[in-house]
Amino acid sequence: MLSSLLNHLESGQCKVIRAGGCTKGDFCVRYKATQVRVRSSSDTVLRACCVCVREEDHAVLLVKRRAVTGDAAWSLPGGGIDPGESDEQAAKRELEEEAGATGKSYRSLGYFVATSNKSNRKTRIHAFIFNFDQLISEGCWKESLLRERMWTTLDLKSLKNIVKKKHDFEILQAVCHALGPLYSC
């Protein structure tokens, strides 16, 4: 862990920030501009996302960027796939980085396609359901200074007003279909 942090620091990919109240001390924030992401041969962006479900109250974990003006909206934890990483590994990593949570993979929901409004580029998103395990303490997960997290009931009527990205809502609909007998959404 410490050698990994030092390698990031030496490469200029991150800076050390003191996390207020964090018992783990300093941590690394990696600038995404220097990351390499996987694309398909047709230049489709390949991404993975995670729907983290808390069984006891049928809630899902959403994330939102902090201090962003304009179109900041609640969404599912997800992001690019690193070279050599499986889609499921990427979904798990994004859950930990963006939402500060851990979970166990339950099942794949399959692939969803989205088109960027800005670049008109296609994105293929492999979505997974994870059963919630635990939250990492506030301020101690990788992107805690950048994001907020929120649990909300898996209720499609209310989620339609909370989640703004069409593909995130389609993924949540698929979760309701997949968990239908267990959840009334």
N, C-alpha and C. Protein backbone atom coordinates (compact mmCIF):
# COMPACT_ATOMS: atom_id res chain seq x y z
N MET A 1 0.83 -1.20 0.00
CA MET A 1 0.00 0.00 0.00
C MET A 1 0.86 1.25 0.00
N LEU A 2 1.83 1.34 0.91
CA LEU A 2 2.69 2.51 1.00
C LEU A 2 3.55 2.64 -0.25
N SER A 3 4.08 1.53 -0.77
CA SER A 3 4.91 1.62 -1.97
C SER A 3 4.07 2.05 -3.16
N SER A 4 2.82 1.61 -3.23
CA SER A 4 1.92 2.03 -4.29
C SER A 4 1.66 3.53 -4.22
N LEU A 5 1.45 4.04 -3.01
CA LEU A 5 1.24 5.47 -2.82
C LEU A 5 2.47 6.25 -3.25
N LEU A 6 3.66 5.78 -2.86
CA LEU A 6 4.90 6.46 -3.23
C LEU A 6 5.11 6.45 -4.74
N ASN A 7 4.80 5.34 -5.40
CA ASN A 7 4.92 5.27 -6.86
C ASN A 7 4.01 6.30 -7.52
N HIS A 8 2.76 6.44 -7.03
CA HIS A 8 1.84 7.43 -7.58
C HIS A 8 2.38 8.83 -7.36
N LEU A 9 2.92 9.09 -6.18
CA LEU A 9 3.46 10.41 -5.88
C LEU A 9 4.63 10.75 -6.79
N GLU A 10 5.54 9.80 -6.95
CA GLU A 10 6.73 10.04 -7.78
C GLU A 10 6.36 10.23 -9.25
N SER A 11 5.30 9.58 -9.70
CA SER A 11 4.90 9.70 -11.09
C SER A 11 4.13 10.98 -11.36
N GLY A 12 3.76 11.71 -10.31
CA GLY A 12 3.01 12.95 -10.48
C GLY A 12 1.54 12.74 -10.74
N GLN A 13 1.05 11.52 -10.56
CA GLN A 13 -0.35 11.22 -10.83
C GLN A 13 -1.27 11.58 -9.68
N CYS A 14 -0.73 11.91 -8.53
CA CYS A 14 -1.60 12.21 -7.42
C CYS A 14 -0.90 13.13 -6.44
N LYS A 15 -1.67 13.60 -5.48
CA LYS A 15 -1.11 14.42 -4.42
C LYS A 15 -1.64 13.89 -3.10
N VAL A 16 -0.92 14.15 -2.05
CA VAL A 16 -1.35 13.71 -0.73
C VAL A 16 -2.23 14.78 -0.12
N ILE A 17 -3.34 14.36 0.41
CA ILE A 17 -4.28 15.26 1.05
C ILE A 17 -4.55 14.72 2.44
N ARG A 18 -4.52 15.55 3.44
CA ARG A 18 -4.84 15.11 4.80
C ARG A 18 -6.36 14.95 4.88
N ALA A 19 -6.80 13.78 5.19
CA ALA A 19 -8.23 13.50 5.31
C ALA A 19 -8.67 13.80 6.74
N GLY A 20 -9.53 14.75 6.91
CA GLY A 20 -9.98 15.13 8.24
C GLY A 20 -10.65 13.99 8.96
N GLY A 21 -10.14 13.65 10.14
CA GLY A 21 -10.74 12.62 10.97
C GLY A 21 -10.47 11.20 10.50
N CYS A 22 -9.70 11.04 9.47
CA CYS A 22 -9.44 9.73 8.91
C CYS A 22 -8.34 9.03 9.70
N THR A 23 -8.63 7.86 10.22
CA THR A 23 -7.64 7.16 11.03
C THR A 23 -6.53 6.56 10.19
N LYS A 24 -6.71 6.49 8.88
CA LYS A 24 -5.70 5.91 8.02
C LYS A 24 -4.65 6.94 7.59
N GLY A 25 -4.81 8.21 7.97
CA GLY A 25 -3.81 9.23 7.65
C GLY A 25 -3.96 9.76 6.25
N ASP A 26 -2.84 9.91 5.56
CA ASP A 26 -2.85 10.48 4.22
C ASP A 26 -3.32 9.45 3.20
N PHE A 27 -3.87 9.95 2.10
CA PHE A 27 -4.25 9.04 1.03
C PHE A 27 -4.02 9.71 -0.31
N CYS A 28 -4.17 8.96 -1.37
CA CYS A 28 -3.81 9.41 -2.70
C CYS A 28 -5.05 9.69 -3.53
N VAL A 29 -5.06 10.81 -4.20
CA VAL A 29 -6.10 11.11 -5.17
C VAL A 29 -5.45 11.07 -6.54
N ARG A 30 -5.90 10.20 -7.39
CA ARG A 30 -5.30 10.02 -8.72
C ARG A 30 -6.04 10.90 -9.72
N TYR A 31 -5.32 11.68 -10.47
CA TYR A 31 -5.93 12.52 -11.50
C TYR A 31 -6.31 11.64 -12.69
N LYS A 32 -7.54 11.71 -13.11
CA LYS A 32 -8.02 10.83 -14.16
C LYS A 32 -7.44 11.16 -15.53
N ALA A 33 -6.92 12.37 -15.70
CA ALA A 33 -6.38 12.76 -17.01
C ALA A 33 -5.21 11.86 -17.43
N THR A 34 -4.54 11.25 -16.48
CA THR A 34 -3.39 10.42 -16.81
C THR A 34 -3.72 8.94 -16.93
N GLN A 35 -4.99 8.58 -16.73
CA GLN A 35 -5.35 7.17 -16.76
C GLN A 35 -5.54 6.68 -18.19
N VAL A 36 -5.23 5.42 -18.39
CA VAL A 36 -5.49 4.75 -19.65
C VAL A 36 -6.74 3.91 -19.46
N ARG A 37 -7.68 4.02 -20.36
CA ARG A 37 -8.91 3.24 -20.27
C ARG A 37 -9.07 2.35 -21.50
N VAL A 38 -9.83 1.30 -21.34
CA VAL A 38 -10.04 0.32 -22.41
C VAL A 38 -11.17 0.78 -23.32
N ARG A 39 -10.92 0.68 -24.63
CA ARG A 39 -11.95 0.96 -25.64
C ARG A 39 -12.04 -0.25 -26.56
N SER A 40 -13.18 -0.39 -27.22
CA SER A 40 -13.34 -1.48 -28.18
C SER A 40 -12.68 -1.08 -29.49
N SER A 41 -12.60 -2.01 -30.43
CA SER A 41 -12.00 -1.73 -31.73
C SER A 41 -12.80 -0.70 -32.51
N SER A 42 -14.08 -0.54 -32.20
CA SER A 42 -14.92 0.46 -32.88
C SER A 42 -14.90 1.79 -32.14
N ASP A 43 -13.95 1.96 -31.20
CA ASP A 43 -13.79 3.18 -30.39
C ASP A 43 -14.96 3.40 -29.43
N THR A 44 -15.73 2.34 -29.16
CA THR A 44 -16.77 2.42 -28.14
C THR A 44 -16.09 2.41 -26.78
N VAL A 45 -16.50 3.32 -25.91
CA VAL A 45 -15.95 3.36 -24.56
C VAL A 45 -16.53 2.18 -23.78
N LEU A 46 -15.67 1.43 -23.10
CA LEU A 46 -16.11 0.29 -22.30
C LEU A 46 -16.09 0.68 -20.83
N ARG A 47 -17.22 0.51 -20.17
CA ARG A 47 -17.34 0.88 -18.76
C ARG A 47 -18.01 -0.25 -17.99
N ALA A 48 -17.91 -0.16 -16.68
CA ALA A 48 -18.59 -1.11 -15.79
C ALA A 48 -19.28 -0.29 -14.70
N CYS A 49 -20.40 -0.78 -14.22
CA CYS A 49 -21.06 -0.10 -13.11
C CYS A 49 -21.61 -1.13 -12.14
N CYS A 50 -21.90 -0.64 -10.95
CA CYS A 50 -22.31 -1.51 -9.86
C CYS A 50 -23.59 -0.98 -9.23
N VAL A 51 -24.56 -1.85 -9.07
CA VAL A 51 -25.74 -1.52 -8.28
C VAL A 51 -25.55 -2.26 -6.96
N CYS A 52 -25.23 -1.49 -5.94
CA CYS A 52 -24.99 -2.07 -4.62
C CYS A 52 -26.31 -2.09 -3.86
N VAL A 53 -26.77 -3.27 -3.50
CA VAL A 53 -28.08 -3.45 -2.87
C VAL A 53 -27.90 -3.83 -1.41
N ARG A 54 -28.61 -3.12 -0.54
CA ARG A 54 -28.64 -3.45 0.89
C ARG A 54 -29.94 -4.21 1.13
N GLU A 55 -29.82 -5.49 1.45
CA GLU A 55 -30.98 -6.38 1.50
C GLU A 55 -31.99 -6.05 2.58
N GLU A 56 -31.51 -5.62 3.77
CA GLU A 56 -32.45 -5.45 4.89
C GLU A 56 -33.52 -4.39 4.65
N ASP A 57 -33.23 -3.37 3.83
CA ASP A 57 -34.25 -2.34 3.58
C ASP A 57 -34.46 -2.09 2.08
N HIS A 58 -33.96 -3.02 1.25
CA HIS A 58 -34.13 -2.93 -0.20
C HIS A 58 -33.68 -1.59 -0.76
N ALA A 59 -32.53 -1.12 -0.31
CA ALA A 59 -32.00 0.17 -0.75
C ALA A 59 -30.83 -0.03 -1.70
N VAL A 60 -30.60 0.98 -2.56
CA VAL A 60 -29.46 1.00 -3.46
C VAL A 60 -28.59 2.21 -3.12
N LEU A 61 -27.31 2.08 -3.41
CA LEU A 61 -26.35 3.14 -3.11
C LEU A 61 -26.09 3.97 -4.36
N LEU A 62 -26.30 5.29 -4.22
CA LEU A 62 -26.06 6.22 -5.32
C LEU A 62 -24.94 7.18 -4.93
N VAL A 63 -24.31 7.78 -5.93
CA VAL A 63 -23.23 8.74 -5.70
C VAL A 63 -23.48 10.01 -6.50
N LYS A 64 -22.90 11.12 -6.00
CA LYS A 64 -22.99 12.40 -6.69
C LYS A 64 -21.70 13.17 -6.45
N ARG A 65 -21.23 13.86 -7.47
CA ARG A 65 -20.04 14.71 -7.31
C ARG A 65 -20.35 15.83 -6.33
N ARG A 66 -19.40 16.13 -5.45
CA ARG A 66 -19.54 17.26 -4.52
C ARG A 66 -19.18 18.57 -5.23
N ALA A 67 -19.82 19.64 -4.77
CA ALA A 67 -19.47 21.00 -5.18
C ALA A 67 -19.40 21.18 -6.69
N VAL A 68 -20.29 20.56 -7.40
CA VAL A 68 -20.35 20.76 -8.84
C VAL A 68 -21.61 21.57 -9.13
N THR A 69 -21.44 22.65 -9.84
CA THR A 69 -22.61 23.45 -10.19
C THR A 69 -23.24 22.89 -11.44
N GLY A 70 -24.50 23.16 -11.62
CA GLY A 70 -25.17 22.74 -12.85
C GLY A 70 -25.80 21.37 -12.75
N ASP A 71 -25.33 20.44 -13.59
CA ASP A 71 -26.04 19.19 -13.80
C ASP A 71 -25.58 18.03 -12.91
N ALA A 72 -25.02 18.30 -11.75
CA ALA A 72 -24.64 17.20 -10.86
C ALA A 72 -25.90 16.43 -10.47
N ALA A 73 -25.85 15.15 -10.66
CA ALA A 73 -27.02 14.32 -10.37
C ALA A 73 -26.57 13.03 -9.71
N TRP A 74 -27.48 12.38 -9.02
CA TRP A 74 -27.21 11.09 -8.42
C TRP A 74 -27.09 10.06 -9.52
N SER A 75 -26.13 9.16 -9.37
CA SER A 75 -25.92 8.12 -10.37
C SER A 75 -25.38 6.86 -9.70
N LEU A 76 -25.23 5.82 -10.49
CA LEU A 76 -24.66 4.57 -10.01
C LEU A 76 -23.14 4.66 -10.03
N PRO A 77 -22.46 4.03 -9.07
CA PRO A 77 -21.00 4.00 -9.12
C PRO A 77 -20.55 3.24 -10.36
N GLY A 78 -19.66 3.82 -11.12
CA GLY A 78 -19.19 3.16 -12.32
C GLY A 78 -18.11 3.97 -13.00
N GLY A 79 -17.42 3.35 -13.93
CA GLY A 79 -16.38 4.05 -14.65
C GLY A 79 -15.66 3.15 -15.62
N GLY A 80 -14.53 3.65 -16.08
CA GLY A 80 -13.74 2.95 -17.09
C GLY A 80 -13.12 1.67 -16.58
N ILE A 81 -12.74 0.84 -17.53
CA ILE A 81 -12.11 -0.44 -17.23
C ILE A 81 -10.62 -0.29 -17.52
N ASP A 82 -9.80 -0.59 -16.53
CA ASP A 82 -8.35 -0.50 -16.69
C ASP A 82 -7.85 -1.67 -17.53
N PRO A 83 -6.75 -1.48 -18.28
CA PRO A 83 -6.17 -2.59 -19.05
C PRO A 83 -5.86 -3.78 -18.14
N GLY A 84 -6.25 -4.98 -18.58
CA GLY A 84 -6.00 -6.20 -17.81
C GLY A 84 -7.03 -6.46 -16.72
N GLU A 85 -7.99 -5.59 -16.57
CA GLU A 85 -9.01 -5.72 -15.52
C GLU A 85 -10.28 -6.29 -16.14
N SER A 86 -10.94 -7.21 -15.45
CA SER A 86 -12.23 -7.72 -15.94
C SER A 86 -13.31 -6.68 -15.66
N ASP A 87 -14.43 -6.81 -16.35
CA ASP A 87 -15.55 -5.89 -16.14
C ASP A 87 -16.01 -5.94 -14.68
N GLU A 88 -16.09 -7.15 -14.11
CA GLU A 88 -16.53 -7.30 -12.73
C GLU A 88 -15.54 -6.68 -11.75
N GLN A 89 -14.24 -6.83 -12.02
CA GLN A 89 -13.22 -6.20 -11.16
C GLN A 89 -13.34 -4.68 -11.22
N ALA A 90 -13.62 -4.14 -12.41
CA ALA A 90 -13.79 -2.69 -12.56
C ALA A 90 -15.00 -2.21 -11.78
N ALA A 91 -16.11 -2.95 -11.83
CA ALA A 91 -17.31 -2.57 -11.09
C ALA A 91 -17.03 -2.54 -9.58
N LYS A 92 -16.31 -3.55 -9.11
CA LYS A 92 -15.97 -3.61 -7.68
C LYS A 92 -15.06 -2.45 -7.30
N ARG A 93 -14.06 -2.15 -8.14
CA ARG A 93 -13.14 -1.04 -7.86
C ARG A 93 -13.89 0.29 -7.84
N GLU A 94 -14.79 0.49 -8.79
CA GLU A 94 -15.55 1.74 -8.85
C GLU A 94 -16.46 1.90 -7.63
N LEU A 95 -17.04 0.80 -7.15
CA LEU A 95 -17.85 0.85 -5.93
C LEU A 95 -17.02 1.35 -4.76
N GLU A 96 -15.80 0.82 -4.64
CA GLU A 96 -14.92 1.23 -3.54
C GLU A 96 -14.44 2.67 -3.72
N GLU A 97 -14.02 3.04 -4.94
CA GLU A 97 -13.49 4.38 -5.19
C GLU A 97 -14.55 5.46 -5.08
N GLU A 98 -15.67 5.27 -5.75
CA GLU A 98 -16.67 6.32 -5.84
C GLU A 98 -17.63 6.37 -4.66
N ALA A 99 -17.98 5.21 -4.13
CA ALA A 99 -18.99 5.18 -3.07
C ALA A 99 -18.43 4.82 -1.71
N GLY A 100 -17.19 4.39 -1.65
CA GLY A 100 -16.61 4.02 -0.37
C GLY A 100 -17.35 2.85 0.26
N ALA A 101 -17.66 1.86 -0.55
CA ALA A 101 -18.39 0.69 -0.06
C ALA A 101 -17.77 -0.58 -0.64
N THR A 102 -18.01 -1.67 0.04
CA THR A 102 -17.59 -2.96 -0.47
C THR A 102 -18.82 -3.86 -0.57
N GLY A 103 -18.73 -4.83 -1.46
CA GLY A 103 -19.84 -5.74 -1.64
C GLY A 103 -19.37 -7.01 -2.32
N LYS A 104 -20.26 -7.95 -2.36
CA LYS A 104 -19.97 -9.23 -3.01
C LYS A 104 -20.83 -9.32 -4.27
N SER A 105 -20.17 -9.71 -5.35
CA SER A 105 -20.88 -9.79 -6.63
C SER A 105 -22.01 -10.81 -6.54
N TYR A 106 -23.19 -10.39 -6.96
CA TYR A 106 -24.36 -11.26 -6.94
C TYR A 106 -24.62 -11.81 -8.34
N ARG A 107 -24.67 -10.90 -9.34
CA ARG A 107 -24.88 -11.35 -10.71
C ARG A 107 -24.67 -10.22 -11.70
N SER A 108 -24.42 -10.60 -12.94
CA SER A 108 -24.31 -9.65 -14.03
C SER A 108 -25.72 -9.32 -14.53
N LEU A 109 -25.93 -8.05 -14.87
CA LEU A 109 -27.20 -7.63 -15.48
C LEU A 109 -27.09 -7.57 -17.00
N GLY A 110 -25.87 -7.75 -17.50
CA GLY A 110 -25.65 -7.67 -18.94
C GLY A 110 -25.14 -6.31 -19.35
N TYR A 111 -25.26 -6.01 -20.65
CA TYR A 111 -24.68 -4.81 -21.23
C TYR A 111 -25.77 -3.80 -21.58
N PHE A 112 -25.44 -2.54 -21.38
CA PHE A 112 -26.32 -1.43 -21.70
C PHE A 112 -25.51 -0.47 -22.57
N VAL A 113 -26.18 0.21 -23.51
CA VAL A 113 -25.49 1.13 -24.40
C VAL A 113 -26.01 2.54 -24.15
N ALA A 114 -25.07 3.47 -24.04
CA ALA A 114 -25.42 4.88 -23.87
C ALA A 114 -24.64 5.69 -24.90
N THR A 115 -25.17 6.85 -25.25
CA THR A 115 -24.48 7.76 -26.16
C THR A 115 -24.25 9.07 -25.44
N SER A 116 -23.01 9.55 -25.47
CA SER A 116 -22.66 10.81 -24.83
C SER A 116 -23.32 11.97 -25.56
N ASN A 117 -23.94 12.87 -24.80
CA ASN A 117 -24.54 14.07 -25.40
C ASN A 117 -23.46 15.02 -25.93
N LYS A 118 -22.30 15.03 -25.28
CA LYS A 118 -21.24 15.96 -25.67
C LYS A 118 -20.48 15.49 -26.90
N SER A 119 -20.07 14.23 -26.93
CA SER A 119 -19.20 13.76 -28.01
C SER A 119 -19.91 12.85 -29.02
N ASN A 120 -21.14 12.46 -28.72
CA ASN A 120 -21.90 11.52 -29.55
C ASN A 120 -21.21 10.17 -29.66
N ARG A 121 -20.32 9.86 -28.70
CA ARG A 121 -19.59 8.59 -28.67
C ARG A 121 -20.41 7.55 -27.92
N LYS A 122 -20.40 6.34 -28.43
CA LYS A 122 -21.12 5.24 -27.78
C LYS A 122 -20.32 4.69 -26.61
N THR A 123 -21.05 4.30 -25.58
CA THR A 123 -20.46 3.69 -24.40
C THR A 123 -21.19 2.38 -24.12
N ARG A 124 -20.42 1.31 -23.92
CA ARG A 124 -21.00 0.03 -23.53
C ARG A 124 -20.73 -0.16 -22.05
N ILE A 125 -21.81 -0.33 -21.28
CA ILE A 125 -21.71 -0.43 -19.82
C ILE A 125 -22.11 -1.85 -19.40
N HIS A 126 -21.21 -2.55 -18.72
CA HIS A 126 -21.52 -3.85 -18.16
C HIS A 126 -21.93 -3.62 -16.71
N ALA A 127 -23.17 -3.92 -16.40
CA ALA A 127 -23.72 -3.65 -15.07
C ALA A 127 -23.77 -4.92 -14.23
N PHE A 128 -23.48 -4.75 -12.94
CA PHE A 128 -23.48 -5.86 -11.99
C PHE A 128 -24.28 -5.48 -10.75
N ILE A 129 -24.93 -6.47 -10.16
CA ILE A 129 -25.55 -6.30 -8.85
C ILE A 129 -24.55 -6.83 -7.82
N PHE A 130 -24.29 -6.03 -6.79
CA PHE A 130 -23.46 -6.45 -5.67
C PHE A 130 -24.29 -6.40 -4.41
N ASN A 131 -24.15 -7.40 -3.56
CA ASN A 131 -24.77 -7.36 -2.23
C ASN A 131 -23.87 -6.57 -1.31
N PHE A 132 -24.43 -5.56 -0.65
CA PHE A 132 -23.68 -4.67 0.22
C PHE A 132 -23.00 -5.45 1.33
N ASP A 133 -21.74 -5.07 1.60
CA ASP A 133 -20.97 -5.66 2.69
C ASP A 133 -20.73 -4.62 3.78
N GLN A 134 -19.96 -3.55 3.46
CA GLN A 134 -19.70 -2.52 4.47
C GLN A 134 -19.33 -1.20 3.82
N LEU A 135 -19.49 -0.10 4.59
CA LEU A 135 -19.07 1.22 4.15
C LEU A 135 -17.70 1.51 4.71
N ILE A 136 -16.88 2.17 3.92
CA ILE A 136 -15.59 2.67 4.38
C ILE A 136 -15.87 3.99 5.09
N SER A 137 -15.20 4.27 6.20
CA SER A 137 -15.47 5.46 7.00
C SER A 137 -15.44 6.73 6.15
N GLU A 138 -16.32 7.66 6.49
CA GLU A 138 -16.39 8.95 5.81
C GLU A 138 -15.00 9.59 5.77
N GLY A 139 -14.59 10.06 4.62
CA GLY A 139 -13.30 10.71 4.48
C GLY A 139 -12.15 9.77 4.22
N CYS A 140 -12.38 8.47 4.27
CA CYS A 140 -11.28 7.51 4.13
C CYS A 140 -11.30 6.73 2.83
N TRP A 141 -12.26 6.94 1.96
CA TRP A 141 -12.22 6.23 0.70
C TRP A 141 -11.67 7.16 -0.38
N LYS A 142 -11.26 6.56 -1.47
CA LYS A 142 -10.45 7.23 -2.48
C LYS A 142 -11.01 8.56 -2.97
N GLU A 143 -12.30 8.61 -3.29
CA GLU A 143 -12.88 9.83 -3.85
C GLU A 143 -13.82 10.52 -2.87
N SER A 144 -13.60 10.34 -1.58
CA SER A 144 -14.52 10.88 -0.58
C SER A 144 -14.58 12.41 -0.58
N LEU A 145 -13.51 13.06 -0.99
CA LEU A 145 -13.54 14.51 -1.05
C LEU A 145 -14.29 15.01 -2.29
N LEU A 146 -14.49 14.13 -3.25
CA LEU A 146 -15.13 14.50 -4.50
C LEU A 146 -16.60 14.11 -4.58
N ARG A 147 -17.03 13.15 -3.76
CA ARG A 147 -18.37 12.58 -3.93
C ARG A 147 -19.17 12.51 -2.63
N GLU A 148 -20.47 12.52 -2.82
CA GLU A 148 -21.40 12.22 -1.74
C GLU A 148 -22.00 10.85 -2.04
N ARG A 149 -22.47 10.18 -1.01
CA ARG A 149 -23.15 8.90 -1.23
C ARG A 149 -24.49 8.93 -0.51
N MET A 150 -25.45 8.17 -1.03
CA MET A 150 -26.79 8.17 -0.47
C MET A 150 -27.44 6.81 -0.71
N TRP A 151 -28.07 6.28 0.34
CA TRP A 151 -28.90 5.09 0.19
C TRP A 151 -30.32 5.56 -0.10
N THR A 152 -30.97 4.90 -1.04
CA THR A 152 -32.37 5.21 -1.34
C THR A 152 -33.09 3.91 -1.67
N THR A 153 -34.36 3.88 -1.35
CA THR A 153 -35.17 2.68 -1.58
C THR A 153 -35.25 2.37 -3.06
N LEU A 154 -35.22 1.11 -3.38
CA LEU A 154 -35.32 0.65 -4.77
C LEU A 154 -36.78 0.75 -5.21
N ASP A 155 -37.20 1.98 -5.45
CA ASP A 155 -38.56 2.29 -5.87
C ASP A 155 -38.47 3.10 -7.16
N LEU A 156 -38.91 2.52 -8.27
CA LEU A 156 -38.71 3.16 -9.57
C LEU A 156 -39.40 4.51 -9.70
N LYS A 157 -40.54 4.69 -9.07
CA LYS A 157 -41.25 5.97 -9.17
C LYS A 157 -40.42 7.10 -8.56
N SER A 158 -39.85 6.86 -7.39
CA SER A 158 -39.03 7.91 -6.77
C SER A 158 -37.65 8.01 -7.43
N LEU A 159 -37.10 6.90 -7.88
CA LEU A 159 -35.78 6.92 -8.52
C LEU A 159 -35.80 7.69 -9.84
N LYS A 160 -36.94 7.69 -10.52
CA LYS A 160 -37.04 8.43 -11.79
C LYS A 160 -36.77 9.92 -11.58
N ASN A 161 -37.11 10.44 -10.39
CA ASN A 161 -36.87 11.85 -10.08
C ASN A 161 -35.48 12.11 -9.51
N ILE A 162 -34.78 11.06 -9.09
CA ILE A 162 -33.47 11.20 -8.45
C ILE A 162 -32.35 10.96 -9.45
N VAL A 163 -32.48 9.90 -10.25
CA VAL A 163 -31.43 9.50 -11.20
C VAL A 163 -31.75 10.13 -12.55
N LYS A 164 -30.83 10.93 -13.08
CA LYS A 164 -31.09 11.67 -14.32
C LYS A 164 -30.56 10.99 -15.58
N LYS A 165 -29.52 10.16 -15.45
CA LYS A 165 -28.97 9.50 -16.63
C LYS A 165 -29.89 8.38 -17.06
N LYS A 166 -30.28 8.40 -18.32
CA LYS A 166 -31.21 7.41 -18.86
C LYS A 166 -30.70 5.99 -18.66
N HIS A 167 -29.40 5.77 -18.94
CA HIS A 167 -28.87 4.41 -18.83
C HIS A 167 -28.85 3.95 -17.37
N ASP A 168 -28.62 4.85 -16.40
CA ASP A 168 -28.68 4.45 -14.99
C ASP A 168 -30.09 4.00 -14.62
N PHE A 169 -31.09 4.73 -15.11
CA PHE A 169 -32.47 4.35 -14.81
C PHE A 169 -32.81 3.01 -15.46
N GLU A 170 -32.34 2.79 -16.69
CA GLU A 170 -32.58 1.51 -17.36
C GLU A 170 -31.93 0.35 -16.59
N ILE A 171 -30.74 0.60 -16.06
CA ILE A 171 -30.07 -0.42 -15.25
C ILE A 171 -30.86 -0.71 -13.98
N LEU A 172 -31.37 0.34 -13.34
CA LEU A 172 -32.19 0.14 -12.13
C LEU A 172 -33.48 -0.61 -12.45
N GLN A 173 -34.06 -0.35 -13.61
CA GLN A 173 -35.24 -1.13 -14.04
C GLN A 173 -34.88 -2.61 -14.19
N ALA A 174 -33.71 -2.89 -14.74
CA ALA A 174 -33.26 -4.27 -14.90
C ALA A 174 -33.03 -4.93 -13.53
N VAL A 175 -32.55 -4.16 -12.57
CA VAL A 175 -32.38 -4.69 -11.20
C VAL A 175 -33.73 -5.08 -10.65
N CYS A 176 -34.73 -4.21 -10.80
CA CYS A 176 -36.08 -4.54 -10.31
C CYS A 176 -36.62 -5.79 -10.98
N HIS A 177 -36.37 -5.93 -12.27
CA HIS A 177 -36.82 -7.12 -12.98
C HIS A 177 -36.09 -8.36 -12.46
N ALA A 178 -34.77 -8.24 -12.26
CA ALA A 178 -33.96 -9.38 -11.80
C ALA A 178 -34.31 -9.78 -10.38
N LEU A 179 -34.60 -8.81 -9.53
CA LEU A 179 -34.90 -9.10 -8.12
C LEU A 179 -36.39 -9.08 -7.83
N GLY A 180 -37.19 -8.96 -8.87
CA GLY A 180 -38.64 -8.82 -8.75
C GLY A 180 -39.31 -9.60 -7.63
N PRO A 181 -39.12 -10.93 -7.56
CA PRO A 181 -39.78 -11.70 -6.49
C PRO A 181 -39.32 -11.29 -5.09
N LEU A 182 -38.10 -10.78 -4.98
CA LEU A 182 -37.56 -10.41 -3.67
C LEU A 182 -37.91 -8.99 -3.27
N TYR A 183 -38.06 -8.11 -4.27
CA TYR A 183 -38.29 -6.69 -4.03
C TYR A 183 -39.57 -6.26 -4.71
N SER A 184 -40.27 -5.34 -4.12
CA SER A 184 -41.47 -4.79 -4.77
C SER A 184 -41.15 -3.37 -5.22
N CYS A 185 -40.60 -3.26 -6.41
CA CYS A 185 -40.24 -1.93 -6.90
C CYS A 185 -41.03 -1.63 -8.14
